[in-house]
Amino acid sequence: MSFDYLGLSDELLSAIKDAGYSEPTPIQKKAIPSVLQGRDILGIAQTGTGKTAGFTLPMIDILAQGRSRARMPRSLILEPTRELAAQVEESFVKYGKNSKLSCALLIGGTDFVGQVKKLDKGVDVLIATPGRLLDHMQRGNVMLSGVQILVVDEADRMLDMGFIPDIEKICKMLPKKIQSLFFSATMPTEVKKLTDSFLKDPKEFEVSSPTQTAVTIEQHLVKFKGTDSIKRQVLRHLIKAENVSNAIIFCNRKKEVKIVNKSLQVHGFSASELHGDLHQSTRMEVLTAFKAGKTKILVASDVAARGLDIPDVGHVFNFDVPSNPEDYVHRIGRTGRAGKKGTSFTLSTQSDKKYLDGLLKFLAKDIPLYKIPKEILEDNKSPRHSSSGSKQSGFKSHEKVNNSSQRNSLNKKPIKKQTPQAERPIKRQSSQNEKEIKKQSSQDNKTHEKTLGMGGHMPDFLNR
């Protein structure tokens, strides 16, 4: 079945063809006709199923008729993250090139004044994150009384990020007669209550089970014992052994994202980091570079796990087993998209056991094991070796001397105060001797610092 049979206009079909698409995905087959009919939608679909085009395509045809008014958009799309919102804007630009629709993107970290100027001119499509939209509403920059279509995308992610109260507040400001489209990968109780309140006789459909991963993804579980430095060694081995052309590496914490990214860069890999602490402009630059192939490896927190349409990602690595089992499906869903093959690796040490047990229970199946050669783990056990296998000059012998000196100093028992009156008091050393001792101690400390690599040298843990 092609897009020709879904009821879309010729102008839109031409834009779809120019974008390189010929057949709709299952969710697009179900959603597009219902949206064109004016029905409310409740769609449950995992990431990577094409639901963004499932609502943008019919919206373009519906909004092609009519004109926008200043500060009164005709449609509203709410997204949980800035990246998802920017991606939806790209879809409207790509598919709506033959129409005259105007868009405004209201997200944090970007020019507030520029957003106000766009709103003043009037926009057909308003794409926003809840927090920034409420900020504009409180300042009187935007009114929602002209909205005809509402889209709440990634509703379960909205719940995770604490946006449900904001969405309820926004929905109460909308007209009573409105077409509402809700999409979510899962349907928690709180999201179900929200949809029951605002959807009227919705068309419900579920494309796949929330625990189902795409059949195009070859999954591997890598279990081993070791520290984080060994974990980074295993990661580098996998990247080389798999001849990875591009990949996304997911970490549970932003701190870990920074460490892994820096370690990869030190070892000569083309890598960059993506997490919530970065400024929005920096985040967009990082994504653009990765999409263009200028950066080969993207180390990210779960800010990049949901909905980002990055084509042709060959590999996904879970450096940490996700604490939320559902995030596993979304993470590995960054590869194997649109029918293409992909590969995922999940690294698990003894510290990940709790999360791994929860993940396997959630999936209700095992992930095939991938064995790492023993020498990969053994080579990294000695922290005195660099990544090339050569010893750092002067490090080992000097450390032994220092440690020996420190042990002798620490093992000395404190001299107890003697009670006999006949004991002679210990004389203080001369001031000249004190100066010589301080001078020698200062020289020893400088030599020790230099040898340990602290004077501007690369910290040793990044070399492991």
Protein backbone atom coordinates (compact mmCIF):
# COMPACT_ATOMS: atom_id res chain seq x y z
CA MET A 1 0.00 0.00 0.00
CA SER A 2 1.40 3.41 -0.99
CA PHE A 3 0.69 6.91 0.33
CA ASP A 4 -1.58 7.46 -2.70
CA TYR A 5 -4.42 5.61 -0.98
CA LEU A 6 -4.43 7.54 2.31
CA GLY A 7 -6.33 10.60 1.05
CA LEU A 8 -3.45 13.08 1.02
CA SER A 9 -3.25 15.95 -1.50
CA ASP A 10 -1.12 15.79 -4.65
CA GLU A 11 1.17 18.56 -3.35
CA LEU A 12 1.84 16.60 -0.19
CA LEU A 13 2.38 13.33 -2.07
CA SER A 14 4.97 15.11 -4.21
CA ALA A 15 6.82 16.30 -1.10
CA ILE A 16 6.74 12.77 0.38
CA LYS A 17 8.19 11.35 -2.84
CA ASP A 18 10.94 13.99 -2.86
CA ALA A 19 11.81 12.98 0.72
CA GLY A 20 12.42 9.42 -0.50
CA TYR A 21 9.42 7.63 1.02
CA SER A 22 7.07 5.35 -0.92
CA GLU A 23 5.19 3.20 1.60
CA PRO A 24 3.64 4.28 4.92
CA THR A 25 4.48 2.55 8.19
CA PRO A 26 1.73 0.66 10.09
CA ILE A 27 1.03 3.60 12.41
CA GLN A 28 0.83 5.99 9.45
CA LYS A 29 -1.69 3.72 7.71
CA LYS A 30 -3.90 3.81 10.79
CA ALA A 31 -3.42 7.41 11.90
CA ILE A 32 -3.48 9.47 8.69
CA PRO A 33 -7.02 8.58 7.47
CA SER A 34 -8.49 9.02 10.97
CA VAL A 35 -6.84 12.42 11.44
CA LEU A 36 -8.12 13.57 8.02
CA GLN A 37 -11.62 12.53 9.14
CA GLY A 38 -11.35 14.79 12.19
CA ARG A 39 -11.27 11.97 14.75
CA ASP A 40 -9.47 12.16 18.09
CA ILE A 41 -6.54 9.75 18.21
CA LEU A 42 -5.01 7.65 20.97
CA GLY A 43 -2.00 5.88 19.45
CA ILE A 44 0.32 3.55 21.33
CA ALA A 45 3.50 2.99 19.37
CA GLN A 46 7.14 2.45 20.23
CA THR A 47 9.84 4.82 19.09
CA GLY A 48 11.00 4.61 15.50
CA THR A 49 7.60 3.65 14.06
CA GLY A 50 7.10 6.90 12.13
CA LYS A 51 4.38 8.47 14.27
CA THR A 52 5.76 12.00 13.71
CA ALA A 53 4.82 11.81 10.02
CA GLY A 54 1.62 10.11 11.13
CA PHE A 55 0.32 13.41 12.49
CA THR A 56 2.33 16.04 10.57
CA LEU A 57 1.22 14.82 7.12
CA PRO A 58 -2.56 15.04 7.67
CA MET A 59 -2.17 18.28 9.66
CA ILE A 60 -0.50 19.96 6.68
CA ASP A 61 -3.47 19.14 4.45
CA ILE A 62 -6.03 20.22 7.07
CA LEU A 63 -4.27 23.52 7.79
CA ALA A 64 -3.71 24.29 4.10
CA GLN A 65 -7.12 25.96 4.20
CA GLY A 66 -7.47 29.15 6.22
CA ARG A 67 -5.11 31.78 7.59
CA SER A 68 -3.42 32.35 10.94
CA ARG A 69 -4.03 35.34 13.16
CA ALA A 70 -1.53 37.23 15.25
CA ARG A 71 -0.73 35.45 18.52
CA MET A 72 -3.45 32.88 17.78
CA PRO A 73 -1.93 29.68 16.32
CA ARG A 74 -4.25 27.22 14.59
CA SER A 75 -2.52 24.11 15.90
CA LEU A 76 -0.41 23.18 18.91
CA ILE A 77 2.11 20.35 19.25
CA LEU A 78 3.57 19.64 22.69
CA GLU A 79 6.87 17.75 22.97
CA PRO A 80 8.76 16.70 26.14
CA THR A 81 12.23 17.74 24.94
CA ARG A 82 13.78 20.49 22.85
CA GLU A 83 15.31 17.99 20.43
CA LEU A 84 11.96 16.33 19.70
CA ALA A 85 10.32 19.71 19.18
CA ALA A 86 13.05 20.76 16.74
CA GLN A 87 12.65 17.47 14.88
CA VAL A 88 8.90 18.04 14.44
CA GLU A 89 9.64 21.48 13.03
CA GLU A 90 11.98 19.86 10.50
CA SER A 91 9.17 17.51 9.46
CA PHE A 92 6.81 20.40 8.76
CA VAL A 93 9.48 22.17 6.74
CA LYS A 94 10.28 19.01 4.75
CA TYR A 95 6.73 17.86 4.03
CA GLY A 96 5.10 21.29 3.89
CA LYS A 97 7.44 22.82 1.32
CA ASN A 98 4.59 23.07 -1.22
CA SER A 99 2.30 24.83 1.25
CA LYS A 100 2.46 28.29 2.78
CA LEU A 101 2.18 27.21 6.40
CA SER A 102 4.17 29.11 9.01
CA CYS A 103 5.72 27.52 12.12
CA ALA A 104 7.05 28.76 15.43
CA LEU A 105 9.27 26.76 17.76
CA LEU A 106 8.98 27.67 21.45
CA ILE A 107 11.73 25.93 23.41
CA GLY A 108 14.16 26.92 26.13
CA GLY A 109 17.75 27.88 25.46
CA THR A 110 16.89 29.89 22.34
CA ASP A 111 16.14 33.53 21.55
CA PHE A 112 13.02 34.56 23.49
CA VAL A 113 12.62 37.88 21.65
CA GLY A 114 12.80 36.13 18.27
CA GLN A 115 10.02 33.79 19.35
CA VAL A 116 7.81 36.76 20.28
CA LYS A 117 8.36 38.34 16.84
CA LYS A 118 7.20 35.15 15.13
CA LEU A 119 4.11 34.97 17.32
CA ASP A 120 3.25 38.58 16.54
CA LYS A 121 3.10 37.75 12.82
CA GLY A 122 0.78 34.81 13.41
CA VAL A 123 1.65 31.14 12.95
CA ASP A 124 -0.28 28.13 11.69
CA VAL A 125 1.71 25.56 13.64
CA LEU A 126 3.00 26.13 17.16
CA ILE A 127 5.53 23.53 18.39
CA ALA A 128 6.56 23.87 22.02
CA THR A 129 7.79 22.34 25.22
CA PRO A 130 5.29 22.87 28.10
CA GLY A 131 7.50 25.09 30.25
CA ARG A 132 8.41 27.61 27.56
CA LEU A 133 4.81 27.74 26.27
CA LEU A 134 3.46 28.55 29.75
CA ASP A 135 6.11 31.27 30.08
CA HIS A 136 4.87 32.94 26.88
CA MET A 137 1.23 32.53 27.93
CA GLN A 138 1.84 34.19 31.30
CA ARG A 139 3.43 37.15 29.50
CA GLY A 140 0.49 37.45 27.14
CA ASN A 141 2.56 36.61 24.06
CA VAL A 142 0.30 33.81 22.82
CA MET A 143 -3.40 32.95 23.03
CA LEU A 144 -4.73 29.44 22.42
CA SER A 145 -8.34 30.34 21.63
CA GLY A 146 -7.75 29.77 17.89
CA VAL A 147 -6.25 26.26 18.17
CA GLN A 148 -8.08 23.65 16.07
CA ILE A 149 -5.73 20.67 16.49
CA LEU A 150 -3.79 19.60 19.58
CA VAL A 151 -1.00 17.00 19.55
CA VAL A 152 0.53 15.63 22.75
CA ASP A 153 3.51 13.52 21.72
CA GLU A 154 5.44 11.07 23.94
CA ALA A 155 2.83 11.39 26.70
CA ASP A 156 4.53 8.82 28.94
CA ARG A 157 7.78 10.74 28.67
CA MET A 158 5.85 13.87 29.72
CA LEU A 159 4.82 11.95 32.83
CA ASP A 160 8.39 10.91 33.60
CA MET A 161 9.57 14.52 33.33
CA GLY A 162 6.76 15.87 35.54
CA PHE A 163 4.93 17.78 32.78
CA ILE A 164 1.43 16.31 33.27
CA PRO A 165 0.22 19.21 35.53
CA ASP A 166 1.50 21.70 32.92
CA ILE A 167 -0.31 19.86 30.13
CA GLU A 168 -3.55 19.86 32.13
CA LYS A 169 -3.18 23.61 32.65
CA ILE A 170 -2.55 24.18 28.92
CA CYS A 171 -5.45 21.96 27.83
CA LYS A 172 -7.89 23.92 30.00
CA MET A 173 -6.97 27.07 28.03
CA LEU A 174 -7.95 25.46 24.70
CA PRO A 175 -11.37 25.70 22.99
CA LYS A 176 -13.87 22.98 23.89
CA LYS A 177 -14.35 21.92 20.26
CA ILE A 178 -10.93 20.74 19.23
CA GLN A 179 -9.35 17.69 17.60
CA SER A 180 -6.85 16.03 19.98
CA LEU A 181 -4.14 13.54 19.07
CA PHE A 182 -2.30 11.73 21.86
CA PHE A 183 0.68 9.45 21.21
CA SER A 184 2.58 7.39 23.75
CA ALA A 185 4.88 4.37 23.84
CA THR A 186 3.20 3.10 27.02
CA MET A 187 -0.04 3.92 28.82
CA PRO A 188 0.53 4.49 32.57
CA THR A 189 -2.48 5.19 34.79
CA GLU A 190 -1.80 8.94 34.98
CA VAL A 191 -1.63 9.25 31.19
CA LYS A 192 -4.81 7.21 30.83
CA LYS A 193 -6.64 9.60 33.18
CA LEU A 194 -5.42 12.55 31.10
CA THR A 195 -6.62 11.04 27.81
CA ASP A 196 -9.99 10.13 29.32
CA SER A 197 -10.45 13.77 30.35
CA PHE A 198 -9.62 15.45 27.03
CA LEU A 199 -10.30 12.92 24.25
CA LYS A 200 -13.78 12.47 22.80
CA ASP A 201 -14.57 9.04 21.34
CA PRO A 202 -10.97 8.56 20.21
CA LYS A 203 -9.77 6.13 17.56
CA GLU A 204 -7.47 3.82 19.53
CA PHE A 205 -4.75 1.65 18.06
CA GLU A 206 -1.58 -0.06 19.23
CA VAL A 207 1.14 -0.79 16.71
CA SER A 208 3.31 -3.01 18.90
CA SER A 209 3.82 -4.14 22.46
CA PRO A 210 5.81 -1.71 24.64
CA THR A 211 8.28 -4.51 25.44
CA GLN A 212 8.77 -5.49 21.83
CA THR A 213 12.02 -4.46 20.20
CA ALA A 214 12.40 -4.11 16.44
CA VAL A 215 13.21 -7.39 14.67
CA THR A 216 15.81 -5.54 12.59
CA ILE A 217 18.05 -5.03 15.66
CA GLU A 218 20.63 -7.67 16.54
CA GLN A 219 20.99 -7.52 20.33
CA HIS A 220 23.98 -8.57 22.45
CA LEU A 221 24.61 -8.70 26.21
CA VAL A 222 28.23 -8.38 27.39
CA LYS A 223 28.72 -9.59 30.97
CA PHE A 224 32.04 -9.33 32.80
CA LYS A 225 33.61 -8.41 36.12
CA GLY A 226 35.60 -5.25 36.49
CA THR A 227 35.80 -1.55 37.24
CA ASP A 228 34.68 1.37 35.10
CA SER A 229 38.13 1.55 33.52
CA ILE A 230 37.77 -2.06 32.33
CA LYS A 231 34.30 -1.18 31.10
CA ARG A 232 35.75 1.58 28.94
CA GLN A 233 38.39 -0.85 27.67
CA VAL A 234 35.65 -3.33 26.66
CA LEU A 235 33.73 -0.53 24.94
CA ARG A 236 36.75 0.48 22.88
CA HIS A 237 37.40 -3.16 21.95
CA LEU A 238 33.81 -3.57 20.72
CA ILE A 239 33.94 -0.39 18.64
CA LYS A 240 37.10 -1.63 16.91
CA ALA A 241 36.06 -5.28 16.62
CA GLU A 242 32.68 -4.38 15.12
CA ASN A 243 34.22 -1.90 12.69
CA VAL A 244 31.69 0.69 13.82
CA SER A 245 31.03 3.47 11.33
CA ASN A 246 28.77 5.47 13.67
CA ALA A 247 27.17 4.79 17.03
CA ILE A 248 25.29 6.22 20.00
CA ILE A 249 26.56 5.31 23.47
CA PHE A 250 24.08 5.70 26.31
CA CYS A 251 25.04 6.33 29.95
CA ASN A 252 22.72 6.63 32.96
CA ARG A 253 24.38 9.74 34.37
CA LYS A 254 25.61 12.99 32.87
CA LYS A 255 28.86 12.65 34.81
CA GLU A 256 29.48 9.28 33.13
CA VAL A 257 28.71 10.78 29.71
CA LYS A 258 31.50 13.31 30.16
CA ILE A 259 34.03 10.72 31.35
CA VAL A 260 33.31 8.22 28.57
CA ASN A 261 33.39 10.92 25.90
CA LYS A 262 36.72 12.31 27.15
CA SER A 263 38.20 8.80 27.35
CA LEU A 264 37.20 8.03 23.75
CA GLN A 265 38.68 11.30 22.53
CA VAL A 266 41.96 10.60 24.36
CA HIS A 267 42.16 7.24 22.57
CA GLY A 268 41.69 8.83 19.16
CA PHE A 269 37.97 8.28 18.53
CA SER A 270 35.78 10.93 16.89
CA ALA A 271 33.31 11.48 19.74
CA SER A 272 31.08 14.18 21.22
CA GLU A 273 28.70 14.36 24.19
CA LEU A 274 24.99 15.17 24.47
CA HIS A 275 23.22 15.78 27.78
CA GLY A 276 20.90 18.20 29.53
CA ASP A 277 23.61 20.46 30.97
CA LEU A 278 24.62 21.69 27.52
CA HIS A 279 23.22 24.93 26.11
CA GLN A 280 20.52 24.36 23.51
CA SER A 281 22.59 25.80 20.68
CA THR A 282 25.45 23.46 21.59
CA ARG A 283 23.10 20.47 21.69
CA MET A 284 21.80 21.28 18.21
CA GLU A 285 25.34 21.72 16.87
CA VAL A 286 26.34 18.33 18.29
CA LEU A 287 23.32 16.62 16.71
CA THR A 288 23.89 18.33 13.37
CA ALA A 289 27.54 17.24 13.30
CA PHE A 290 26.58 13.65 14.14
CA LYS A 291 23.84 13.52 11.50
CA ALA A 292 26.25 14.90 8.91
CA GLY A 293 28.88 12.28 9.76
CA LYS A 294 31.41 14.82 11.03
CA THR A 295 31.28 13.08 14.41
CA LYS A 296 31.24 9.28 14.43
CA ILE A 297 30.28 8.54 18.03
CA LEU A 298 27.67 10.30 20.16
CA VAL A 299 27.87 9.72 23.93
CA ALA A 300 24.51 10.65 25.41
CA SER A 301 22.22 10.56 28.39
CA ASP A 302 18.60 9.51 27.93
CA VAL A 303 17.80 12.96 26.56
CA ALA A 304 18.62 11.39 23.17
CA ALA A 305 16.81 8.09 23.71
CA ARG A 306 13.30 9.16 22.80
CA GLY A 307 12.06 9.91 19.32
CA LEU A 308 15.16 11.44 17.75
CA ASP A 309 15.15 10.58 14.06
CA ILE A 310 18.83 10.11 13.28
CA PRO A 311 19.02 8.03 10.10
CA ASP A 312 21.48 5.23 9.48
CA VAL A 313 22.77 4.74 13.03
CA GLY A 314 24.59 1.40 12.77
CA HIS A 315 25.24 0.63 16.45
CA VAL A 316 23.89 1.47 19.89
CA PHE A 317 25.91 0.76 23.05
CA ASN A 318 24.38 0.75 26.52
CA PHE A 319 27.46 1.62 28.58
CA ASP A 320 25.13 1.30 31.58
CA VAL A 321 22.12 -1.00 31.86
CA PRO A 322 19.19 1.48 31.95
CA SER A 323 17.61 1.91 35.38
CA ASN A 324 14.18 2.06 33.72
CA PRO A 325 13.63 -1.09 31.62
CA GLU A 326 11.41 0.77 29.13
CA ASP A 327 14.35 3.01 28.25
CA TYR A 328 16.13 -0.03 26.82
CA VAL A 329 13.54 -0.28 24.04
CA HIS A 330 13.85 3.43 23.27
CA ARG A 331 17.64 3.45 23.39
CA ILE A 332 18.24 0.57 21.00
CA GLY A 333 15.43 1.93 18.84
CA ARG A 334 17.90 4.58 17.62
CA THR A 335 19.24 1.90 15.26
CA GLY A 336 17.46 -0.54 12.95
CA ARG A 337 15.04 2.18 11.84
CA ALA A 338 12.81 2.17 8.76
CA GLY A 339 13.48 -1.51 8.08
CA LYS A 340 17.26 -1.17 8.15
CA LYS A 341 19.48 -3.50 10.17
CA GLY A 342 21.15 -2.39 13.38
CA THR A 343 23.19 -3.78 16.26
CA SER A 344 23.05 -3.11 19.99
CA PHE A 345 25.42 -4.03 22.82
CA THR A 346 24.59 -3.78 26.53
CA LEU A 347 27.56 -3.79 28.93
CA SER A 348 26.88 -5.27 32.36
CA THR A 349 29.15 -5.66 35.38
CA GLN A 350 28.32 -6.90 38.88
CA SER A 351 27.09 -3.42 39.82
CA ASP A 352 24.41 -3.60 37.09
CA LYS A 353 22.87 -6.87 38.33
CA LYS A 354 19.76 -5.26 39.85
CA TYR A 355 18.95 -3.31 36.69
CA LEU A 356 19.78 -6.27 34.42
CA ASP A 357 17.43 -8.59 36.33
CA GLY A 358 14.64 -6.01 35.99
CA LEU A 359 15.32 -5.58 32.28
CA LEU A 360 15.23 -9.31 31.49
CA LYS A 361 12.01 -9.66 33.48
CA PHE A 362 10.50 -6.74 31.55
CA LEU A 363 11.50 -8.20 28.17
CA ALA A 364 10.39 -11.69 29.24
CA LYS A 365 13.30 -13.14 27.30
CA ASP A 366 17.09 -13.38 27.42
CA ILE A 367 19.47 -11.19 25.45
CA PRO A 368 22.08 -13.28 23.58
CA LEU A 369 25.46 -13.27 25.32
CA TYR A 370 28.56 -11.91 23.61
CA LYS A 371 31.91 -13.14 24.93
CA ILE A 372 34.88 -10.81 25.27
CA PRO A 373 38.40 -12.30 24.81
CA LYS A 374 40.09 -12.83 28.19
CA GLU A 375 43.16 -10.87 27.17
CA ILE A 376 41.02 -7.72 26.77
CA LEU A 377 40.11 -7.90 30.45
CA GLU A 378 43.53 -9.05 31.64
CA ASP A 379 45.51 -6.37 29.77
CA ASN A 380 43.68 -3.66 31.63
CA LYS A 381 44.15 -5.08 35.11
CA SER A 382 47.54 -3.40 35.55
CA PRO A 383 47.00 0.36 35.93
CA ARG A 384 50.74 0.93 35.38
CA HIS A 385 50.39 0.41 31.62
CA SER A 386 49.22 2.92 29.10
CA SER A 387 46.75 2.06 26.33
CA SER A 388 49.66 1.11 24.04
CA GLY A 389 50.99 -1.39 26.56
CA SER A 390 54.22 0.47 27.40
CA LYS A 391 55.14 1.44 30.96
CA GLN A 392 55.20 5.05 31.92
CA SER A 393 58.83 5.99 32.42
CA GLY A 394 59.88 6.44 36.03
CA PHE A 395 56.38 5.94 37.43
CA LYS A 396 56.65 2.50 39.00
CA SER A 397 60.03 2.77 40.71
CA HIS A 398 59.36 6.23 42.08
CA GLU A 399 56.01 5.17 43.46
CA LYS A 400 57.60 2.23 45.27
CA VAL A 401 60.11 4.53 46.96
CA ASN A 402 57.40 6.98 47.91
CA ASN A 403 55.04 4.31 49.19
CA SER A 404 57.86 2.71 51.17
CA SER A 405 58.72 6.04 52.73
CA GLN A 406 55.09 6.73 53.52
CA ARG A 407 54.60 3.27 55.03
CA ASN A 408 57.64 3.68 57.27
CA SER A 409 56.34 7.06 58.36
CA LEU A 410 52.85 5.75 59.03
CA ASN A 411 54.05 2.61 60.85
CA LYS A 412 56.03 4.59 63.42
CA LYS A 413 54.28 4.52 66.75
CA PRO A 414 53.87 7.84 68.55
CA ILE A 415 56.38 8.37 71.34
CA LYS A 416 54.65 8.26 74.68
CA LYS A 417 55.37 11.04 77.10
CA GLN A 418 57.84 9.90 79.74
CA THR A 419 57.05 10.60 83.36
CA PRO A 420 60.47 10.42 85.05
CA GLN A 421 61.69 13.84 86.03
CA ALA A 422 65.24 12.90 85.24
CA GLU A 423 64.50 12.61 81.54
CA ARG A 424 66.22 15.27 79.54
CA PRO A 425 64.00 17.36 77.19
CA ILE A 426 64.48 16.86 73.47
CA LYS A 427 66.30 19.79 71.96
CA ARG A 428 64.88 21.53 68.92
CA GLN A 429 66.97 21.44 65.77
CA SER A 430 68.66 24.62 64.74
CA SER A 431 66.82 27.03 62.48
CA GLN A 432 69.42 26.35 59.77
CA ASN A 433 68.60 22.63 59.83
CA GLU A 434 64.86 23.41 59.61
CA LYS A 435 65.40 25.51 56.50
CA GLU A 436 67.36 22.71 54.80
CA ILE A 437 64.69 20.13 55.66
CA LYS A 438 61.88 22.35 54.29
CA LYS A 439 63.85 23.01 51.10
CA GLN A 440 64.50 19.28 50.55
CA SER A 441 60.81 18.46 51.27
CA SER A 442 59.66 21.06 48.72
CA GLN A 443 61.96 19.58 46.04
CA ASP A 444 60.69 16.06 46.79
CA ASN A 445 57.07 17.16 46.46
CA LYS A 446 57.73 18.82 43.10
CA THR A 447 59.48 15.72 41.80
CA HIS A 448 56.60 13.56 43.04
CA GLU A 449 54.00 15.78 41.34
CA LYS A 450 55.88 15.77 38.06
CA THR A 451 56.30 12.02 38.09
CA LEU A 452 52.66 11.35 38.87
CA GLY A 453 51.61 13.44 35.88
CA MET A 454 49.72 16.18 37.70
CA GLY A 455 51.50 19.22 36.27
CA GLY A 456 49.34 19.61 33.17
CA HIS A 457 49.73 15.96 32.17
CA MET A 458 46.75 13.74 31.21
CA PRO A 459 45.17 12.05 34.28
CA ASP A 460 46.04 8.34 34.26
CA PHE A 461 42.42 7.06 34.64
CA LEU A 462 41.50 8.42 31.20
CA ASN A 463 44.18 6.23 29.66
CA ARG A 464 42.42 3.12 30.95
